[in-house]
Amino acid sequence: MPWADLAPKEMLVDWLRKHAGDGRQAVDIACDLGDNAHALTQAGWKITAFDFAEDAIVWAGKRFVDTDIDFRVADLFDLPADWENAFDLVHECYTLQALTGDMREAAFTSVASLVKPGGKLLVITRVRPDGSEAAGPPWPLTPAELSRFADLGLEEEGTLYYYVDRPNSRVIPHARIVYHKV
């Protein structure tokens, strides 16, 4: 998989340094090959990690066989009923930016539905200013789009804007946003 770094996202690892799980429940959305899920479990979170791609889940399970990560095949648009309001931490990294149109709108609702009252949502994504065009994929999120989470019962705790340097002198704006569910 050309997009798989085979390492957890640096901004997730940085956040986890101050936010140990202490056995609380977390879910990693669209976990791909499991690197972020593994970082979460190493920080003390009890992890459910899912992806729509069965091959990715099988591969992740083989890579992290010596962990208690619960890798599952699941569809963000048809989540198990017992996952609603079930997680202390929901980790969303790069999934929303991969979607457009109605799927993107529906994904915001699905992501927010996973966070239990008092829980947190951690979003790591590419960003762009409101009103700017995106040639995508991916389609970076705008502040107006991210404000959808407020409509879904989540309050923003803090945002860290940063840049990722890519080959060919590309510098890509990103954000790490933490929300909590009231």
N, C-alpha and C. Protein backbone atom coordinates (compact mmCIF):
# COMPACT_ATOMS: atom_id res chain seq x y z
N MET A 1 0.84 -1.17 0.00
CA MET A 1 0.00 0.00 0.00
C MET A 1 0.89 1.23 0.00
N PRO A 2 0.85 1.98 -1.07
CA PRO A 2 1.79 3.10 -1.21
C PRO A 2 1.62 4.19 -0.17
N TRP A 3 0.44 4.33 0.43
CA TRP A 3 0.21 5.38 1.42
C TRP A 3 0.59 4.94 2.83
N ALA A 4 0.89 3.69 3.02
CA ALA A 4 1.20 3.17 4.36
C ALA A 4 2.64 3.52 4.72
N ASP A 5 2.81 4.25 5.81
CA ASP A 5 4.14 4.66 6.27
C ASP A 5 4.83 3.55 7.07
N LEU A 6 4.06 2.57 7.55
CA LEU A 6 4.56 1.50 8.42
C LEU A 6 5.15 2.07 9.70
N ALA A 7 4.57 3.16 10.14
CA ALA A 7 4.93 3.83 11.39
C ALA A 7 3.74 4.68 11.82
N PRO A 8 3.56 4.89 13.11
CA PRO A 8 2.45 5.74 13.54
C PRO A 8 2.69 7.20 13.17
N LYS A 9 1.62 7.94 13.06
CA LYS A 9 1.73 9.38 12.76
C LYS A 9 2.41 10.08 13.93
N GLU A 10 3.38 10.91 13.60
CA GLU A 10 4.16 11.62 14.61
C GLU A 10 3.29 12.47 15.54
N MET A 11 2.26 13.11 14.99
CA MET A 11 1.39 13.96 15.81
C MET A 11 0.53 13.13 16.76
N LEU A 12 0.23 11.90 16.41
CA LEU A 12 -0.46 11.01 17.34
C LEU A 12 0.48 10.63 18.48
N VAL A 13 1.67 10.20 18.15
CA VAL A 13 2.65 9.80 19.16
C VAL A 13 2.92 10.96 20.11
N ASP A 14 3.06 12.17 19.56
CA ASP A 14 3.28 13.36 20.39
C ASP A 14 2.12 13.57 21.36
N TRP A 15 0.89 13.44 20.89
CA TRP A 15 -0.28 13.62 21.75
C TRP A 15 -0.34 12.55 22.83
N LEU A 16 -0.01 11.32 22.47
CA LEU A 16 -0.08 10.21 23.42
C LEU A 16 0.91 10.35 24.57
N ARG A 17 1.98 11.10 24.39
CA ARG A 17 2.95 11.29 25.47
C ARG A 17 2.29 11.89 26.71
N LYS A 18 1.24 12.68 26.52
CA LYS A 18 0.57 13.33 27.64
C LYS A 18 -0.83 12.78 27.89
N HIS A 19 -1.23 11.76 27.14
CA HIS A 19 -2.60 11.25 27.24
C HIS A 19 -2.62 9.72 27.25
N ALA A 20 -2.14 9.16 28.33
CA ALA A 20 -2.14 7.70 28.48
C ALA A 20 -3.57 7.19 28.60
N GLY A 21 -3.78 5.98 28.14
CA GLY A 21 -5.12 5.42 28.13
C GLY A 21 -5.58 4.82 29.43
N ASP A 22 -4.64 4.30 30.23
CA ASP A 22 -4.99 3.68 31.51
C ASP A 22 -6.11 2.65 31.37
N GLY A 23 -6.09 1.90 30.27
CA GLY A 23 -7.06 0.84 30.05
C GLY A 23 -8.39 1.27 29.50
N ARG A 24 -8.55 2.56 29.23
CA ARG A 24 -9.82 3.03 28.67
C ARG A 24 -9.97 2.59 27.21
N GLN A 25 -11.21 2.62 26.72
CA GLN A 25 -11.55 2.14 25.38
C GLN A 25 -11.27 3.20 24.32
N ALA A 26 -10.63 2.78 23.22
CA ALA A 26 -10.39 3.68 22.09
C ALA A 26 -10.68 2.93 20.80
N VAL A 27 -11.01 3.68 19.78
CA VAL A 27 -11.21 3.11 18.45
C VAL A 27 -10.36 3.88 17.47
N ASP A 28 -9.74 3.14 16.55
CA ASP A 28 -8.93 3.72 15.48
C ASP A 28 -9.69 3.50 14.18
N ILE A 29 -10.17 4.59 13.58
CA ILE A 29 -10.99 4.53 12.37
C ILE A 29 -10.09 4.33 11.15
N ALA A 30 -10.51 3.42 10.27
CA ALA A 30 -9.78 3.15 9.02
C ALA A 30 -8.30 2.91 9.34
N CYS A 31 -8.06 1.90 10.14
CA CYS A 31 -6.74 1.67 10.75
C CYS A 31 -5.66 1.22 9.78
N ASP A 32 -6.04 0.89 8.54
CA ASP A 32 -5.04 0.52 7.54
C ASP A 32 -4.22 -0.67 8.05
N LEU A 33 -2.92 -0.54 8.16
CA LEU A 33 -2.06 -1.66 8.55
C LEU A 33 -1.74 -1.68 10.04
N GLY A 34 -2.41 -0.83 10.84
CA GLY A 34 -2.39 -0.93 12.28
C GLY A 34 -1.35 -0.16 13.05
N ASP A 35 -0.55 0.67 12.39
CA ASP A 35 0.52 1.37 13.11
C ASP A 35 0.01 2.34 14.16
N ASN A 36 -1.03 3.12 13.84
CA ASN A 36 -1.58 4.05 14.83
C ASN A 36 -2.25 3.29 15.96
N ALA A 37 -2.95 2.20 15.64
CA ALA A 37 -3.58 1.38 16.68
C ALA A 37 -2.52 0.83 17.63
N HIS A 38 -1.40 0.41 17.09
CA HIS A 38 -0.33 -0.12 17.92
C HIS A 38 0.23 0.96 18.85
N ALA A 39 0.40 2.18 18.33
CA ALA A 39 0.87 3.28 19.18
C ALA A 39 -0.13 3.55 20.30
N LEU A 40 -1.41 3.50 19.99
CA LEU A 40 -2.44 3.72 21.01
C LEU A 40 -2.38 2.64 22.09
N THR A 41 -2.24 1.41 21.70
CA THR A 41 -2.19 0.33 22.69
C THR A 41 -0.92 0.43 23.53
N GLN A 42 0.19 0.85 22.95
CA GLN A 42 1.42 1.03 23.71
C GLN A 42 1.27 2.15 24.74
N ALA A 43 0.35 3.08 24.48
CA ALA A 43 0.10 4.18 25.42
C ALA A 43 -0.98 3.83 26.43
N GLY A 44 -1.37 2.56 26.47
CA GLY A 44 -2.30 2.12 27.50
C GLY A 44 -3.77 2.12 27.15
N TRP A 45 -4.10 2.38 25.88
CA TRP A 45 -5.49 2.35 25.46
C TRP A 45 -5.88 0.93 25.08
N LYS A 46 -7.10 0.53 25.37
CA LYS A 46 -7.65 -0.76 24.93
C LYS A 46 -8.31 -0.49 23.57
N ILE A 47 -7.74 -1.07 22.53
CA ILE A 47 -8.04 -0.64 21.16
C ILE A 47 -8.93 -1.59 20.39
N THR A 48 -9.92 -0.98 19.73
CA THR A 48 -10.64 -1.58 18.62
C THR A 48 -10.18 -0.81 17.40
N ALA A 49 -9.70 -1.51 16.39
CA ALA A 49 -9.21 -0.86 15.18
C ALA A 49 -9.95 -1.49 14.00
N PHE A 50 -10.52 -0.64 13.15
CA PHE A 50 -11.27 -1.21 12.04
C PHE A 50 -10.92 -0.55 10.73
N ASP A 51 -11.19 -1.30 9.68
CA ASP A 51 -11.01 -0.83 8.32
C ASP A 51 -12.03 -1.55 7.45
N PHE A 52 -12.39 -0.92 6.36
CA PHE A 52 -13.32 -1.52 5.40
C PHE A 52 -12.62 -2.61 4.59
N ALA A 53 -11.30 -2.46 4.42
CA ALA A 53 -10.52 -3.39 3.59
C ALA A 53 -10.10 -4.61 4.41
N GLU A 54 -10.68 -5.74 4.10
CA GLU A 54 -10.38 -6.97 4.82
C GLU A 54 -8.89 -7.32 4.72
N ASP A 55 -8.28 -7.12 3.55
CA ASP A 55 -6.85 -7.42 3.39
C ASP A 55 -6.01 -6.60 4.36
N ALA A 56 -6.36 -5.33 4.58
CA ALA A 56 -5.62 -4.49 5.51
C ALA A 56 -5.75 -5.03 6.93
N ILE A 57 -6.92 -5.48 7.32
CA ILE A 57 -7.14 -6.02 8.66
C ILE A 57 -6.35 -7.30 8.86
N VAL A 58 -6.36 -8.17 7.87
CA VAL A 58 -5.58 -9.41 7.97
C VAL A 58 -4.09 -9.09 8.10
N TRP A 59 -3.61 -8.19 7.30
CA TRP A 59 -2.21 -7.80 7.32
C TRP A 59 -1.85 -7.17 8.67
N ALA A 60 -2.70 -6.26 9.16
CA ALA A 60 -2.45 -5.62 10.46
C ALA A 60 -2.40 -6.67 11.57
N GLY A 61 -3.31 -7.62 11.54
CA GLY A 61 -3.32 -8.68 12.54
C GLY A 61 -2.04 -9.49 12.54
N LYS A 62 -1.50 -9.73 11.37
CA LYS A 62 -0.23 -10.47 11.26
C LYS A 62 0.95 -9.63 11.74
N ARG A 63 0.90 -8.33 11.51
CA ARG A 63 1.99 -7.45 11.94
C ARG A 63 2.03 -7.29 13.44
N PHE A 64 0.85 -7.27 14.08
CA PHE A 64 0.78 -6.98 15.51
C PHE A 64 0.12 -8.14 16.26
N VAL A 65 0.59 -9.33 15.97
CA VAL A 65 0.02 -10.55 16.54
C VAL A 65 0.21 -10.62 18.05
N ASP A 66 1.24 -10.02 18.59
CA ASP A 66 1.54 -10.09 20.02
C ASP A 66 0.89 -8.96 20.83
N THR A 67 -0.21 -8.40 20.31
CA THR A 67 -0.92 -7.34 21.03
C THR A 67 -2.36 -7.80 21.26
N ASP A 68 -3.08 -7.04 22.06
CA ASP A 68 -4.49 -7.36 22.26
C ASP A 68 -5.40 -6.40 21.49
N ILE A 69 -4.88 -5.84 20.39
CA ILE A 69 -5.69 -4.97 19.54
C ILE A 69 -6.79 -5.82 18.90
N ASP A 70 -8.00 -5.33 18.98
CA ASP A 70 -9.15 -5.99 18.37
C ASP A 70 -9.32 -5.43 16.96
N PHE A 71 -8.66 -6.07 15.98
CA PHE A 71 -8.76 -5.66 14.58
C PHE A 71 -10.05 -6.23 13.99
N ARG A 72 -10.82 -5.35 13.33
CA ARG A 72 -12.10 -5.78 12.76
C ARG A 72 -12.32 -5.17 11.39
N VAL A 73 -13.01 -5.92 10.55
CA VAL A 73 -13.52 -5.38 9.30
C VAL A 73 -14.84 -4.72 9.63
N ALA A 74 -14.98 -3.44 9.32
CA ALA A 74 -16.21 -2.71 9.58
C ALA A 74 -16.33 -1.56 8.59
N ASP A 75 -17.56 -1.12 8.41
CA ASP A 75 -17.90 -0.05 7.48
C ASP A 75 -18.27 1.19 8.28
N LEU A 76 -17.59 2.29 8.07
CA LEU A 76 -17.86 3.53 8.78
C LEU A 76 -19.32 3.97 8.63
N PHE A 77 -19.96 3.56 7.54
CA PHE A 77 -21.34 3.97 7.27
C PHE A 77 -22.36 2.93 7.72
N ASP A 78 -21.89 1.87 8.35
CA ASP A 78 -22.77 0.84 8.89
C ASP A 78 -22.09 0.20 10.10
N LEU A 79 -21.89 1.01 11.13
CA LEU A 79 -21.14 0.59 12.32
C LEU A 79 -21.97 -0.34 13.20
N PRO A 80 -21.32 -1.22 13.94
CA PRO A 80 -22.06 -2.04 14.91
C PRO A 80 -22.80 -1.16 15.90
N ALA A 81 -24.03 -1.54 16.22
CA ALA A 81 -24.87 -0.73 17.12
C ALA A 81 -24.23 -0.53 18.49
N ASP A 82 -23.50 -1.54 18.98
CA ASP A 82 -22.91 -1.41 20.32
C ASP A 82 -21.68 -0.49 20.35
N TRP A 83 -21.28 0.04 19.22
CA TRP A 83 -20.18 1.01 19.19
C TRP A 83 -20.68 2.44 19.41
N GLU A 84 -21.98 2.68 19.30
CA GLU A 84 -22.50 4.03 19.46
C GLU A 84 -22.26 4.52 20.88
N ASN A 85 -21.64 5.70 21.00
CA ASN A 85 -21.31 6.32 22.29
C ASN A 85 -20.49 5.39 23.19
N ALA A 86 -19.59 4.59 22.61
CA ALA A 86 -18.91 3.54 23.36
C ALA A 86 -17.45 3.83 23.69
N PHE A 87 -16.83 4.82 23.06
CA PHE A 87 -15.38 4.95 23.17
C PHE A 87 -14.95 6.22 23.90
N ASP A 88 -13.99 6.05 24.78
CA ASP A 88 -13.39 7.18 25.50
C ASP A 88 -12.54 8.04 24.58
N LEU A 89 -11.97 7.40 23.55
CA LEU A 89 -11.15 8.11 22.56
C LEU A 89 -11.47 7.55 21.19
N VAL A 90 -11.74 8.46 20.26
CA VAL A 90 -11.91 8.11 18.86
C VAL A 90 -10.78 8.79 18.09
N HIS A 91 -10.02 7.99 17.36
CA HIS A 91 -8.90 8.52 16.58
C HIS A 91 -9.27 8.47 15.10
N GLU A 92 -9.31 9.65 14.48
CA GLU A 92 -9.63 9.78 13.06
C GLU A 92 -8.46 10.45 12.38
N CYS A 93 -7.78 9.71 11.53
CA CYS A 93 -6.60 10.23 10.85
C CYS A 93 -6.72 10.00 9.35
N TYR A 94 -6.94 11.07 8.61
CA TYR A 94 -6.94 11.09 7.15
C TYR A 94 -8.14 10.42 6.48
N THR A 95 -9.14 10.00 7.23
CA THR A 95 -10.29 9.35 6.60
C THR A 95 -11.23 10.37 5.99
N LEU A 96 -11.62 11.38 6.75
CA LEU A 96 -12.57 12.37 6.26
C LEU A 96 -12.06 13.05 4.99
N GLN A 97 -10.78 13.34 4.94
CA GLN A 97 -10.21 14.04 3.78
C GLN A 97 -10.19 13.19 2.53
N ALA A 98 -10.42 11.89 2.66
CA ALA A 98 -10.44 10.99 1.50
C ALA A 98 -11.82 10.89 0.88
N LEU A 99 -12.81 11.54 1.49
CA LEU A 99 -14.19 11.44 1.03
C LEU A 99 -14.69 12.77 0.50
N THR A 100 -15.72 12.71 -0.34
CA THR A 100 -16.35 13.93 -0.86
C THR A 100 -17.86 13.79 -0.79
N GLY A 101 -18.53 14.90 -0.99
CA GLY A 101 -19.98 14.91 -1.14
C GLY A 101 -20.73 14.34 0.04
N ASP A 102 -21.78 13.58 -0.29
CA ASP A 102 -22.64 13.00 0.73
C ASP A 102 -21.90 12.04 1.65
N MET A 103 -20.93 11.31 1.10
CA MET A 103 -20.15 10.38 1.94
C MET A 103 -19.38 11.15 3.01
N ARG A 104 -18.82 12.25 2.63
CA ARG A 104 -18.06 13.07 3.58
C ARG A 104 -18.98 13.58 4.69
N GLU A 105 -20.15 14.08 4.30
CA GLU A 105 -21.11 14.57 5.29
C GLU A 105 -21.53 13.46 6.24
N ALA A 106 -21.84 12.29 5.70
CA ALA A 106 -22.27 11.16 6.53
C ALA A 106 -21.15 10.70 7.45
N ALA A 107 -19.91 10.80 6.99
CA ALA A 107 -18.76 10.35 7.79
C ALA A 107 -18.62 11.18 9.06
N PHE A 108 -18.87 12.48 9.00
CA PHE A 108 -18.80 13.31 10.21
C PHE A 108 -19.75 12.77 11.28
N THR A 109 -20.97 12.44 10.88
CA THR A 109 -21.95 11.90 11.81
C THR A 109 -21.51 10.57 12.39
N SER A 110 -21.00 9.69 11.53
CA SER A 110 -20.54 8.38 11.99
C SER A 110 -19.38 8.49 12.98
N VAL A 111 -18.42 9.33 12.66
CA VAL A 111 -17.27 9.52 13.54
C VAL A 111 -17.74 10.03 14.91
N ALA A 112 -18.56 11.06 14.91
CA ALA A 112 -19.04 11.64 16.17
C ALA A 112 -19.85 10.66 16.99
N SER A 113 -20.56 9.74 16.32
CA SER A 113 -21.42 8.79 17.03
C SER A 113 -20.63 7.81 17.90
N LEU A 114 -19.37 7.65 17.64
CA LEU A 114 -18.54 6.70 18.38
C LEU A 114 -18.09 7.22 19.74
N VAL A 115 -18.05 8.55 19.90
CA VAL A 115 -17.52 9.16 21.12
C VAL A 115 -18.55 9.10 22.24
N LYS A 116 -18.14 8.53 23.37
CA LYS A 116 -19.06 8.48 24.52
C LYS A 116 -19.10 9.84 25.21
N PRO A 117 -20.18 10.14 25.93
CA PRO A 117 -20.21 11.39 26.68
C PRO A 117 -18.99 11.49 27.61
N GLY A 118 -18.32 12.63 27.55
CA GLY A 118 -17.09 12.83 28.32
C GLY A 118 -15.86 12.35 27.58
N GLY A 119 -16.05 11.67 26.45
CA GLY A 119 -14.92 11.16 25.67
C GLY A 119 -14.33 12.20 24.74
N LYS A 120 -13.26 11.80 24.07
CA LYS A 120 -12.54 12.71 23.19
C LYS A 120 -12.49 12.17 21.76
N LEU A 121 -12.44 13.09 20.83
CA LEU A 121 -12.19 12.80 19.42
C LEU A 121 -10.89 13.49 19.04
N LEU A 122 -9.96 12.72 18.50
CA LEU A 122 -8.68 13.25 18.04
C LEU A 122 -8.66 13.14 16.52
N VAL A 123 -8.62 14.27 15.83
CA VAL A 123 -8.61 14.31 14.37
C VAL A 123 -7.25 14.81 13.90
N ILE A 124 -6.65 14.06 12.99
CA ILE A 124 -5.41 14.48 12.34
C ILE A 124 -5.70 14.52 10.85
N THR A 125 -5.51 15.68 10.23
CA THR A 125 -5.94 15.85 8.84
C THR A 125 -5.17 16.94 8.12
N ARG A 126 -5.21 16.89 6.82
CA ARG A 126 -4.77 18.02 6.01
C ARG A 126 -5.84 19.08 6.10
N VAL A 127 -5.44 20.34 6.02
CA VAL A 127 -6.39 21.44 6.11
C VAL A 127 -6.14 22.46 5.00
N ARG A 128 -7.18 23.24 4.76
CA ARG A 128 -7.11 24.35 3.79
C ARG A 128 -8.04 25.44 4.26
N PRO A 129 -7.83 26.67 3.82
CA PRO A 129 -8.70 27.78 4.25
C PRO A 129 -10.12 27.63 3.70
N ASP A 130 -11.08 28.16 4.44
CA ASP A 130 -12.45 28.23 3.93
C ASP A 130 -12.45 28.94 2.58
N GLY A 131 -13.26 28.46 1.67
CA GLY A 131 -13.41 29.10 0.36
C GLY A 131 -12.36 28.71 -0.66
N SER A 132 -11.33 27.97 -0.25
CA SER A 132 -10.31 27.56 -1.20
C SER A 132 -10.71 26.24 -1.86
N GLU A 133 -10.22 26.03 -3.06
CA GLU A 133 -10.52 24.81 -3.80
C GLU A 133 -9.47 23.74 -3.50
N ALA A 134 -9.91 22.49 -3.61
CA ALA A 134 -8.99 21.37 -3.43
C ALA A 134 -9.11 20.47 -4.65
N ALA A 135 -7.97 20.13 -5.25
CA ALA A 135 -7.96 19.33 -6.46
C ALA A 135 -8.10 17.84 -6.16
N GLY A 136 -7.82 17.40 -4.96
CA GLY A 136 -7.88 16.04 -4.43
C GLY A 136 -8.01 14.91 -5.43
N PRO A 137 -7.96 13.73 -4.99
CA PRO A 137 -7.83 13.37 -3.59
C PRO A 137 -6.39 13.55 -3.10
N PRO A 138 -6.21 13.73 -1.82
CA PRO A 138 -7.22 14.00 -0.80
C PRO A 138 -7.77 15.41 -0.94
N TRP A 139 -8.89 15.64 -0.24
CA TRP A 139 -9.53 16.95 -0.20
C TRP A 139 -9.40 17.48 1.22
N PRO A 140 -8.38 18.30 1.50
CA PRO A 140 -8.18 18.81 2.86
C PRO A 140 -9.44 19.45 3.42
N LEU A 141 -9.60 19.34 4.72
CA LEU A 141 -10.77 19.88 5.41
C LEU A 141 -10.61 21.37 5.66
N THR A 142 -11.72 22.06 5.71
CA THR A 142 -11.73 23.48 6.01
C THR A 142 -12.23 23.69 7.45
N PRO A 143 -11.95 24.85 8.03
CA PRO A 143 -12.50 25.13 9.37
C PRO A 143 -14.02 25.02 9.40
N ALA A 144 -14.70 25.47 8.35
CA ALA A 144 -16.16 25.37 8.33
C ALA A 144 -16.61 23.92 8.37
N GLU A 145 -15.93 23.05 7.65
CA GLU A 145 -16.29 21.63 7.69
C GLU A 145 -16.05 21.05 9.08
N LEU A 146 -14.93 21.37 9.66
CA LEU A 146 -14.60 20.84 10.99
C LEU A 146 -15.57 21.34 12.05
N SER A 147 -16.19 22.48 11.81
CA SER A 147 -17.17 22.99 12.78
C SER A 147 -18.42 22.11 12.81
N ARG A 148 -18.59 21.20 11.85
CA ARG A 148 -19.70 20.25 11.87
C ARG A 148 -19.71 19.44 13.16
N PHE A 149 -18.54 19.18 13.71
CA PHE A 149 -18.48 18.40 14.94
C PHE A 149 -19.21 19.11 16.08
N ALA A 150 -19.21 20.44 16.08
CA ALA A 150 -19.95 21.19 17.11
C ALA A 150 -21.45 20.91 16.99
N ASP A 151 -21.93 20.81 15.76
CA ASP A 151 -23.35 20.50 15.54
C ASP A 151 -23.70 19.09 16.01
N LEU A 152 -22.69 18.26 16.17
CA LEU A 152 -22.88 16.86 16.55
C LEU A 152 -22.55 16.61 18.02
N GLY A 153 -22.48 17.69 18.81
CA GLY A 153 -22.32 17.56 20.26
C GLY A 153 -20.89 17.52 20.76
N LEU A 154 -19.94 17.92 19.94
CA LEU A 154 -18.54 17.93 20.34
C LEU A 154 -18.03 19.36 20.46
N GLU A 155 -17.25 19.62 21.50
CA GLU A 155 -16.65 20.94 21.68
C GLU A 155 -15.15 20.83 21.44
N GLU A 156 -14.63 21.81 20.71
CA GLU A 156 -13.20 21.83 20.43
C GLU A 156 -12.42 22.19 21.69
N GLU A 157 -11.42 21.40 22.01
CA GLU A 157 -10.53 21.68 23.14
C GLU A 157 -9.28 22.41 22.71
N GLY A 158 -8.82 22.09 21.52
CA GLY A 158 -7.59 22.73 21.06
C GLY A 158 -7.19 22.23 19.68
N THR A 159 -6.50 23.10 18.96
CA THR A 159 -6.03 22.77 17.62
C THR A 159 -4.57 23.15 17.50
N LEU A 160 -3.81 22.25 16.95
CA LEU A 160 -2.41 22.51 16.65
C LEU A 160 -2.26 22.46 15.13
N TYR A 161 -1.87 23.60 14.54
CA TYR A 161 -1.62 23.65 13.10
C TYR A 161 -0.13 23.40 12.88
N TYR A 162 0.18 22.63 11.86
CA TYR A 162 1.57 22.31 11.55
C TYR A 162 1.70 21.99 10.07
N TYR A 163 2.93 21.83 9.61
CA TYR A 163 3.19 21.54 8.20
C TYR A 163 3.96 20.24 8.08
N VAL A 164 3.67 19.51 7.02
CA VAL A 164 4.38 18.27 6.71
C VAL A 164 5.13 18.50 5.40
N ASP A 165 6.43 18.28 5.44
CA ASP A 165 7.26 18.39 4.24
C ASP A 165 7.20 17.08 3.48
N ARG A 166 6.90 17.17 2.18
CA ARG A 166 6.83 16.00 1.32
C ARG A 166 7.85 16.14 0.19
N PRO A 167 8.08 15.07 -0.55
CA PRO A 167 9.02 15.16 -1.68
C PRO A 167 8.63 16.26 -2.67
N ASN A 168 9.57 16.66 -3.46
CA ASN A 168 9.39 17.71 -4.47
C ASN A 168 9.04 19.06 -3.86
N SER A 169 9.58 19.34 -2.67
CA SER A 169 9.42 20.63 -1.99
C SER A 169 7.96 20.98 -1.69
N ARG A 170 7.13 19.98 -1.54
CA ARG A 170 5.73 20.24 -1.16
C ARG A 170 5.65 20.39 0.35
N VAL A 171 4.95 21.41 0.79
CA VAL A 171 4.70 21.65 2.20
C VAL A 171 3.18 21.65 2.38
N ILE A 172 2.68 20.72 3.20
CA ILE A 172 1.24 20.49 3.30
C ILE A 172 0.74 20.90 4.67
N PRO A 173 -0.19 21.86 4.72
CA PRO A 173 -0.76 22.26 6.01
C PRO A 173 -1.62 21.16 6.62
N HIS A 174 -1.46 20.96 7.91
CA HIS A 174 -2.19 19.94 8.67
C HIS A 174 -2.72 20.55 9.96
N ALA A 175 -3.59 19.80 10.60
CA ALA A 175 -4.07 20.18 11.93
C ALA A 175 -4.29 18.92 12.76
N ARG A 176 -4.05 19.06 14.04
CA ARG A 176 -4.42 18.04 15.03
C ARG A 176 -5.43 18.72 15.95
N ILE A 177 -6.66 18.24 15.90
CA ILE A 177 -7.75 18.88 16.66
C ILE A 177 -8.28 17.89 17.68
N VAL A 178 -8.46 18.37 18.89
CA VAL A 178 -9.04 17.54 19.96
C VAL A 178 -10.41 18.13 20.32
N TYR A 179 -11.39 17.25 20.35
CA TYR A 179 -12.75 17.62 20.74
C TYR A 179 -13.14 16.78 21.95
N HIS A 180 -14.10 17.23 22.70
CA HIS A 180 -14.70 16.38 23.74
C HIS A 180 -16.22 16.41 23.60
N LYS A 181 -16.83 15.32 23.96
CA LYS A 181 -18.27 15.21 23.85
C LYS A 181 -18.90 15.58 25.19
N VAL A 182 -19.84 16.50 25.12
CA VAL A 182 -20.51 16.99 26.32
C VAL A 182 -21.71 16.10 26.67
